[in-house]
Amino acid sequence: MDSQDMQVIGLCRFSWPAIGGFQVEHDSIEERSAYLYSPERMEERFRTFEALTLPPLKAQTDQNFQFLVVIGDDLPPYYRERLVGLLDGLPQAVIQERPPGPHRPVMQEAINSLRDGRTEPCLQFRMDDDDAVGIHYVERLRDAAQDLRPLLRKNRHVAIDFNQGWIVRPTANGLDAKPTIEPLWTAGLAVSAKKSVKNTVMNFGHSRLARFMPVVSFTGEDMFIRGHNAHNDSRQKSNVRPVRLDPLDAKGEAHLRKVFNIDANRVRELYSAT
């Protein structure tokens, strides 16, 4: 069998009000939902989702994957309708409504609900709604899994880490960005799970994966974008180091268009809109 026999599932939590799973905590689910669904934050989420996340998924060179988008069952209807509209051009997308619950168990259940019982390992990746993967991501993930078949056969889980990419901030002027190489950042990271294994990519803290499974890293090709904006959960703490991002020139914009299908002109349109 070749790697096309492996099921590939990507997961994105689109402002799902989890119990746990956030670096910024709230005293109640009601407070968390109010924070997540505030108009300013949701507008930013939709813009980054449309500008960064969706274009490379729609342009994947290997279209044989599923993209699971988990939302809260209390997401206001007009936001749900807007999300459905954005996902209309991505036939791999599956929206699941989930009530608030413990972060890891609920995400485990959501991912496993899509598994179709194949004997081959399931390849799973995760991203936030302002992250992106390269247009070759699914293809390269399958290639890596094929090369690692003996390792996948011997282990319940194996982490496949594409550790080269970009930090990007979309603005009305285009894209501020810098290249980076970082181990075990979520957007470029995948985990294989054998048929009998129920734990998923979401059952492990990404930075601690090497404690639980073999990790194989691949460098040399830009494979992820980590979105950078004021509403990043990881940027809400006071001790977060600032990241210097510089405006991309025409050559840089052309590179991101080629590798990620991200159009800087469309970004300018989205972020110039009132």
Protein backbone atom coordinates (compact mmCIF):
# COMPACT_ATOMS: atom_id res chain seq x y z
CA MET A 1 0.00 0.00 0.00
CA ASP A 2 1.11 3.56 -0.58
CA SER A 3 0.53 6.68 1.48
CA GLN A 4 -2.69 7.50 -0.40
CA ASP A 5 -4.26 4.78 1.73
CA MET A 6 -3.67 6.91 4.83
CA GLN A 7 -6.50 9.17 5.95
CA VAL A 8 -5.42 12.80 6.49
CA ILE A 9 -7.46 14.96 8.88
CA GLY A 10 -6.78 18.59 9.74
CA LEU A 11 -8.43 20.32 12.69
CA CYS A 12 -9.19 23.98 13.29
CA ARG A 13 -11.01 25.26 16.36
CA PHE A 14 -12.83 28.35 15.12
CA SER A 15 -13.38 30.30 18.33
CA TRP A 16 -14.71 27.21 20.09
CA PRO A 17 -15.35 28.02 23.80
CA ALA A 18 -13.33 25.24 25.40
CA ILE A 19 -12.97 24.50 29.08
CA GLY A 20 -9.20 24.70 29.17
CA GLY A 21 -7.06 24.98 26.06
CA PHE A 22 -6.56 28.75 26.33
CA GLN A 23 -3.67 30.61 27.87
CA VAL A 24 -6.08 33.33 28.98
CA GLU A 25 -8.64 31.95 31.41
CA HIS A 26 -12.15 33.19 32.25
CA ASP A 27 -14.32 32.67 35.30
CA SER A 28 -17.21 31.12 33.34
CA ILE A 29 -18.11 29.75 29.93
CA GLU A 30 -20.40 32.75 29.46
CA GLU A 31 -17.46 35.11 29.94
CA ARG A 32 -15.34 33.07 27.56
CA SER A 33 -18.00 33.07 24.86
CA ALA A 34 -18.52 36.81 25.27
CA TYR A 35 -14.78 37.34 24.81
CA LEU A 36 -14.50 35.00 21.83
CA TYR A 37 -17.58 36.35 20.04
CA SER A 38 -16.90 40.04 20.56
CA PRO A 39 -17.39 41.84 17.21
CA GLU A 40 -13.84 43.21 17.03
CA ARG A 41 -12.25 39.83 17.69
CA MET A 42 -14.56 37.93 15.32
CA GLU A 43 -13.89 40.39 12.52
CA GLU A 44 -10.16 39.79 12.97
CA ARG A 45 -10.70 36.01 13.03
CA PHE A 46 -12.69 36.03 9.81
CA ARG A 47 -10.17 38.22 8.05
CA THR A 48 -7.18 36.08 8.99
CA PHE A 49 -9.10 32.90 8.18
CA GLU A 50 -9.92 34.21 4.71
CA ALA A 51 -6.56 35.89 4.09
CA LEU A 52 -4.15 33.24 5.44
CA THR A 53 -5.76 29.93 6.35
CA LEU A 54 -8.07 29.10 3.46
CA PRO A 55 -6.08 30.01 0.30
CA PRO A 56 -3.40 27.31 0.69
CA LEU A 57 -5.94 24.67 1.75
CA LYS A 58 -7.91 25.33 -1.43
CA ALA A 59 -4.72 25.01 -3.50
CA GLN A 60 -3.35 21.78 -1.98
CA THR A 61 -1.50 19.71 -4.55
CA ASP A 62 -2.98 16.63 -2.84
CA GLN A 63 -6.71 17.19 -2.36
CA ASN A 64 -7.26 13.90 -0.51
CA PHE A 65 -7.78 15.23 3.03
CA GLN A 66 -10.51 16.38 5.40
CA PHE A 67 -10.54 19.72 7.21
CA LEU A 68 -12.57 19.68 10.41
CA VAL A 69 -13.72 23.06 11.71
CA VAL A 70 -15.08 22.92 15.26
CA ILE A 71 -17.37 25.71 16.41
CA GLY A 72 -19.42 26.31 19.53
CA ASP A 73 -23.08 25.35 19.54
CA ASP A 74 -23.68 28.89 20.81
CA LEU A 75 -21.91 30.61 17.90
CA PRO A 76 -24.28 33.37 16.77
CA PRO A 77 -26.11 32.35 13.57
CA TYR A 78 -24.79 35.24 11.48
CA TYR A 79 -21.21 34.20 12.27
CA ARG A 80 -22.01 30.58 11.41
CA GLU A 81 -23.52 31.65 8.08
CA ARG A 82 -20.45 33.72 7.30
CA LEU A 83 -18.18 30.79 8.09
CA VAL A 84 -20.24 28.44 5.90
CA GLY A 85 -19.91 30.93 3.07
CA LEU A 86 -16.12 31.07 3.39
CA LEU A 87 -15.86 27.28 3.43
CA ASP A 88 -18.11 26.86 0.43
CA GLY A 89 -15.11 26.62 -1.92
CA LEU A 90 -13.39 23.95 0.19
CA PRO A 91 -15.17 20.60 -0.33
CA GLN A 92 -12.87 18.94 2.23
CA ALA A 93 -14.34 21.10 5.02
CA VAL A 94 -16.58 19.60 7.71
CA ILE A 95 -18.17 21.86 10.33
CA GLN A 96 -19.01 20.36 13.70
CA GLU A 97 -20.90 22.17 16.43
CA ARG A 98 -19.73 21.17 19.89
CA PRO A 99 -20.95 22.44 23.26
CA PRO A 100 -18.33 23.73 25.69
CA GLY A 101 -16.36 20.94 27.31
CA PRO A 102 -12.89 19.81 28.36
CA HIS A 103 -10.57 20.75 25.54
CA ARG A 104 -8.63 17.57 24.82
CA PRO A 105 -11.40 14.95 25.21
CA VAL A 106 -13.83 16.89 23.02
CA MET A 107 -11.26 17.42 20.28
CA GLN A 108 -10.30 13.74 20.48
CA GLU A 109 -13.93 12.78 19.97
CA ALA A 110 -14.32 15.26 17.09
CA ILE A 111 -11.30 13.94 15.17
CA ASN A 112 -12.14 10.30 15.79
CA SER A 113 -15.69 10.87 14.54
CA LEU A 114 -14.19 11.37 11.07
CA ARG A 115 -11.93 8.33 11.10
CA ASP A 116 -13.18 5.72 8.67
CA GLY A 117 -11.60 2.52 10.00
CA ARG A 118 -8.70 2.20 7.60
CA THR A 119 -5.95 -0.20 8.59
CA GLU A 120 -3.28 2.35 7.69
CA PRO A 121 -2.22 5.04 10.22
CA CYS A 122 -4.26 8.24 10.30
CA LEU A 123 -2.27 11.43 9.72
CA GLN A 124 -3.58 14.36 11.77
CA PHE A 125 -2.62 18.02 11.85
CA ARG A 126 -3.98 21.04 13.67
CA MET A 127 -3.96 24.78 13.16
CA ASP A 128 -5.44 27.92 14.60
CA ASP A 129 -7.76 30.07 12.52
CA ASP A 130 -4.94 32.49 11.69
CA ASP A 131 -2.35 29.85 10.68
CA ALA A 132 -1.62 28.26 7.32
CA VAL A 133 0.22 25.40 5.68
CA GLY A 134 2.05 25.37 2.36
CA ILE A 135 0.22 24.25 -0.76
CA HIS A 136 2.36 21.08 -0.83
CA TYR A 137 1.68 20.24 2.83
CA VAL A 138 -0.61 17.22 2.43
CA GLU A 139 1.55 15.86 -0.39
CA ARG A 140 4.75 16.24 1.66
CA LEU A 141 3.06 14.77 4.72
CA ARG A 142 2.17 11.64 2.79
CA ASP A 143 5.70 11.46 1.34
CA ALA A 144 7.18 11.67 4.84
CA ALA A 145 4.80 9.03 6.16
CA GLN A 146 5.78 6.73 3.31
CA ASP A 147 9.46 7.19 4.10
CA LEU A 148 8.76 6.54 7.79
CA ARG A 149 6.63 3.41 7.37
CA PRO A 150 8.83 1.20 9.60
CA LEU A 151 8.66 3.82 12.36
CA LEU A 152 4.90 4.25 11.98
CA ARG A 153 4.43 0.48 12.09
CA LYS A 154 6.34 0.11 15.37
CA ASN A 155 4.88 3.08 17.29
CA ARG A 156 1.39 4.07 18.36
CA HIS A 157 2.16 7.68 17.42
CA VAL A 158 4.90 9.39 15.42
CA ALA A 159 5.25 13.18 15.11
CA ILE A 160 6.15 14.60 11.70
CA ASP A 161 7.44 18.13 12.16
CA PHE A 162 7.84 20.53 9.24
CA ASN A 163 9.72 23.21 11.11
CA GLN A 164 10.41 25.89 8.49
CA GLY A 165 8.00 28.69 7.71
CA TRP A 166 7.01 32.29 8.34
CA ILE A 167 5.49 34.51 10.98
CA VAL A 168 3.04 36.80 9.20
CA ARG A 169 0.90 39.77 10.18
CA PRO A 170 -1.67 40.84 7.55
CA THR A 171 -2.40 44.57 7.39
CA ALA A 172 -4.05 47.15 5.17
CA ASN A 173 -0.59 47.71 3.66
CA GLY A 174 0.00 44.06 2.85
CA LEU A 175 2.05 41.50 4.76
CA ASP A 176 4.57 42.05 7.54
CA ALA A 177 6.64 38.91 7.94
CA LYS A 178 9.83 37.13 8.85
CA PRO A 179 11.10 33.64 8.03
CA THR A 180 11.63 31.25 10.92
CA ILE A 181 12.71 27.75 11.82
CA GLU A 182 11.06 26.52 15.01
CA PRO A 183 10.56 22.97 16.29
CA LEU A 184 7.08 21.67 17.06
CA TRP A 185 5.06 24.74 16.17
CA THR A 186 1.49 23.64 15.63
CA ALA A 187 0.76 24.65 12.04
CA GLY A 188 3.50 22.54 10.44
CA LEU A 189 3.18 19.62 12.84
CA ALA A 190 1.38 16.33 12.28
CA VAL A 191 0.94 13.15 14.29
CA SER A 192 0.25 9.67 12.97
CA ALA A 193 -2.09 7.40 14.92
CA LYS A 194 -2.36 3.66 14.37
CA LYS A 195 -5.80 2.17 13.70
CA SER A 196 -6.33 0.94 17.27
CA VAL A 197 -5.21 4.22 18.89
CA LYS A 198 -7.81 6.72 20.06
CA ASN A 199 -5.49 9.51 21.24
CA THR A 200 -5.14 12.19 18.57
CA VAL A 201 -2.86 15.10 17.75
CA MET A 202 -4.95 17.13 20.22
CA ASN A 203 -4.22 14.85 23.19
CA PHE A 204 -0.65 16.11 23.51
CA GLY A 205 0.94 19.47 24.23
CA HIS A 206 2.75 20.21 20.97
CA SER A 207 5.97 21.42 22.59
CA ARG A 208 6.22 18.20 24.67
CA LEU A 209 5.61 15.61 21.96
CA ALA A 210 9.11 14.16 22.18
CA ARG A 211 8.24 12.88 25.67
CA PHE A 212 5.59 10.60 24.24
CA MET A 213 6.63 9.56 20.74
CA PRO A 214 9.40 9.70 18.14
CA VAL A 215 9.67 13.08 16.44
CA VAL A 216 11.07 13.42 12.93
CA SER A 217 11.79 16.95 11.70
CA PHE A 218 11.98 18.17 8.11
CA THR A 219 13.69 21.43 7.18
CA GLY A 220 14.44 23.02 3.83
CA GLU A 221 10.98 23.96 2.54
CA ASP A 222 8.58 26.62 3.81
CA MET A 223 5.63 24.67 5.11
CA PHE A 224 3.75 26.81 7.64
CA ILE A 225 2.61 30.30 8.49
CA ARG A 226 1.99 31.36 12.05
CA GLY A 227 -0.39 34.29 12.13
CA HIS A 228 0.58 37.23 14.32
CA ASN A 229 -2.05 39.68 15.55
CA ALA A 230 -3.38 41.36 18.64
CA HIS A 231 -5.94 38.61 19.29
CA ASN A 232 -3.51 35.67 19.39
CA ASP A 233 -4.23 33.73 22.56
CA SER A 234 -0.49 33.34 23.10
CA ARG A 235 0.00 37.10 22.95
CA GLN A 236 -2.36 38.01 25.78
CA LYS A 237 0.22 37.47 28.52
CA SER A 238 2.37 40.41 29.61
CA ASN A 239 5.68 38.51 29.40
CA VAL A 240 5.43 37.65 25.68
CA ARG A 241 8.48 38.77 23.72
CA PRO A 242 7.74 41.19 20.87
CA VAL A 243 8.39 39.90 17.37
CA ARG A 244 9.80 42.25 14.76
CA LEU A 245 8.11 41.81 11.40
CA ASP A 246 9.09 43.81 8.32
CA PRO A 247 6.88 44.63 5.32
CA LEU A 248 7.39 42.22 2.46
CA ASP A 249 8.63 43.62 -0.81
CA ALA A 250 7.35 42.46 -4.19
CA LYS A 251 9.74 39.49 -4.20
CA GLY A 252 8.58 38.38 -0.76
CA GLU A 253 4.93 38.74 -1.72
CA ALA A 254 5.55 36.67 -4.85
CA HIS A 255 7.19 33.96 -2.74
CA LEU A 256 4.24 33.67 -0.36
CA ARG A 257 1.86 33.65 -3.32
CA LYS A 258 3.80 30.76 -4.88
CA VAL A 259 4.26 28.71 -1.71
CA PHE A 260 1.02 29.50 0.15
CA ASN A 261 -1.38 30.85 -2.50
CA ILE A 262 -1.70 33.99 -0.37
CA ASP A 263 -2.43 37.12 -2.40
CA ALA A 264 -1.08 40.28 -0.76
CA ASN A 265 -3.47 42.41 -2.83
CA ARG A 266 -6.43 40.48 -1.46
CA VAL A 267 -5.02 40.96 2.04
CA ARG A 268 -4.89 44.71 1.45
CA GLU A 269 -8.52 44.66 0.29
CA LEU A 270 -9.69 42.72 3.32
CA TYR A 271 -7.85 44.88 5.82
CA SER A 272 -8.75 48.16 4.15
CA ALA A 273 -12.46 47.39 4.34
CA THR A 274 -14.36 49.21 7.07
